[in-house]
Amino acid sequence: MYKPVKRPVTLRLDADVLAWFQRSGQGYQTRINQALRKAMSEERKKAGE
């Protein structure tokens, strides 16, 4: 099973975006990561990678 290495970063998000993810409770950072991974995957498909 693929398990990517996690790296701590500082990321500036709009307050309303962060609040939207946090509303669902614990695990909001994981959900943000999943949303970014989905966007990355879709962009790669468009680029033909």
C-alpha atoms as a PDB file:
ATOM      1  CA  MET A   1       0.000   0.000   0.000  1.00  0.00           C
ATOM      2  CA  TYR A   2       1.317   3.447  -0.956  1.00  0.00           C
ATOM      3  CA  LYS A   3       1.822   5.720   2.029  1.00  0.00           C
ATOM      4  CA  PRO A   4       3.312   9.108   1.103  1.00  0.00           C
ATOM      5  CA  VAL A   5       5.707  10.877   3.428  1.00  0.00           C
ATOM      6  CA  LYS A   6       4.014  13.699   5.334  1.00  0.00           C
ATOM      7  CA  ARG A   7       5.853  17.002   5.722  1.00  0.00           C
ATOM      8  CA  PRO A   8       4.846  19.790   8.086  1.00  0.00           C
ATOM      9  CA  VAL A   9       4.202  23.081   6.273  1.00  0.00           C
ATOM     10  CA  THR A  10       2.707  26.462   6.972  1.00  0.00           C
ATOM     11  CA  LEU A  11      -0.188  27.144   4.646  1.00  0.00           C
ATOM     12  CA  ARG A  12      -2.236  30.324   4.501  1.00  0.00           C
ATOM     13  CA  LEU A  13      -5.875  29.638   3.679  1.00  0.00           C
ATOM     14  CA  ASP A  14      -8.835  31.959   3.453  1.00  0.00           C
ATOM     15  CA  ALA A  15     -10.666  31.970   6.783  1.00  0.00           C
ATOM     16  CA  ASP A  16     -13.959  30.814   5.264  1.00  0.00           C
ATOM     17  CA  VAL A  17     -12.289  27.875   3.502  1.00  0.00           C
ATOM     18  CA  LEU A  18     -10.599  26.756   6.710  1.00  0.00           C
ATOM     19  CA  ALA A  19     -13.822  27.171   8.703  1.00  0.00           C
ATOM     20  CA  TRP A  20     -15.698  25.036   6.147  1.00  0.00           C
ATOM     21  CA  PHE A  21     -13.228  22.153   6.560  1.00  0.00           C
ATOM     22  CA  GLN A  22     -13.136  22.537  10.351  1.00  0.00           C
ATOM     23  CA  ARG A  23     -16.946  22.411  10.636  1.00  0.00           C
ATOM     24  CA  SER A  24     -16.826  18.670   9.978  1.00  0.00           C
ATOM     25  CA  GLY A  25     -14.662  18.239  13.075  1.00  0.00           C
ATOM     26  CA  GLN A  26     -11.455  16.378  13.700  1.00  0.00           C
ATOM     27  CA  GLY A  27      -9.500  15.304  10.639  1.00  0.00           C
ATOM     28  CA  TYR A  28      -9.918  18.555   8.735  1.00  0.00           C
ATOM     29  CA  GLN A  29      -6.239  18.578   7.747  1.00  0.00           C
ATOM     30  CA  THR A  30      -6.644  15.132   6.197  1.00  0.00           C
ATOM     31  CA  ARG A  31      -9.718  16.349   4.298  1.00  0.00           C
ATOM     32  CA  ILE A  32      -7.785  19.366   3.004  1.00  0.00           C
ATOM     33  CA  ASN A  33      -5.012  17.019   1.864  1.00  0.00           C
ATOM     34  CA  GLN A  34      -7.556  14.767   0.122  1.00  0.00           C
ATOM     35  CA  ALA A  35      -9.107  17.748  -1.675  1.00  0.00           C
ATOM     36  CA  LEU A  36      -5.679  18.911  -2.850  1.00  0.00           C
ATOM     37  CA  ARG A  37      -4.745  15.392  -3.968  1.00  0.00           C
ATOM     38  CA  LYS A  38      -7.990  15.149  -5.968  1.00  0.00           C
ATOM     39  CA  ALA A  39      -7.284  18.505  -7.646  1.00  0.00           C
ATOM     40  CA  MET A  40      -3.733  17.362  -8.420  1.00  0.00           C
ATOM     41  CA  SER A  41      -4.973  14.089  -9.890  1.00  0.00           C
ATOM     42  CA  GLU A  42      -7.542  15.832 -12.097  1.00  0.00           C
ATOM     43  CA  GLU A  43      -4.926  18.325 -13.324  1.00  0.00           C
ATOM     44  CA  ARG A  44      -2.536  15.494 -14.162  1.00  0.00           C
ATOM     45  CA  LYS A  45      -5.271  13.740 -16.179  1.00  0.00           C
ATOM     46  CA  LYS A  46      -5.858  16.924 -18.163  1.00  0.00           C
ATOM     47  CA  ALA A  47      -2.112  17.272 -18.805  1.00  0.00           C
ATOM     48  CA  GLY A  48      -1.855  13.636 -19.895  1.00  0.00           C
ATOM     49  CA  GLU A  49       0.532  12.554 -17.136  1.00  0.00           C
END
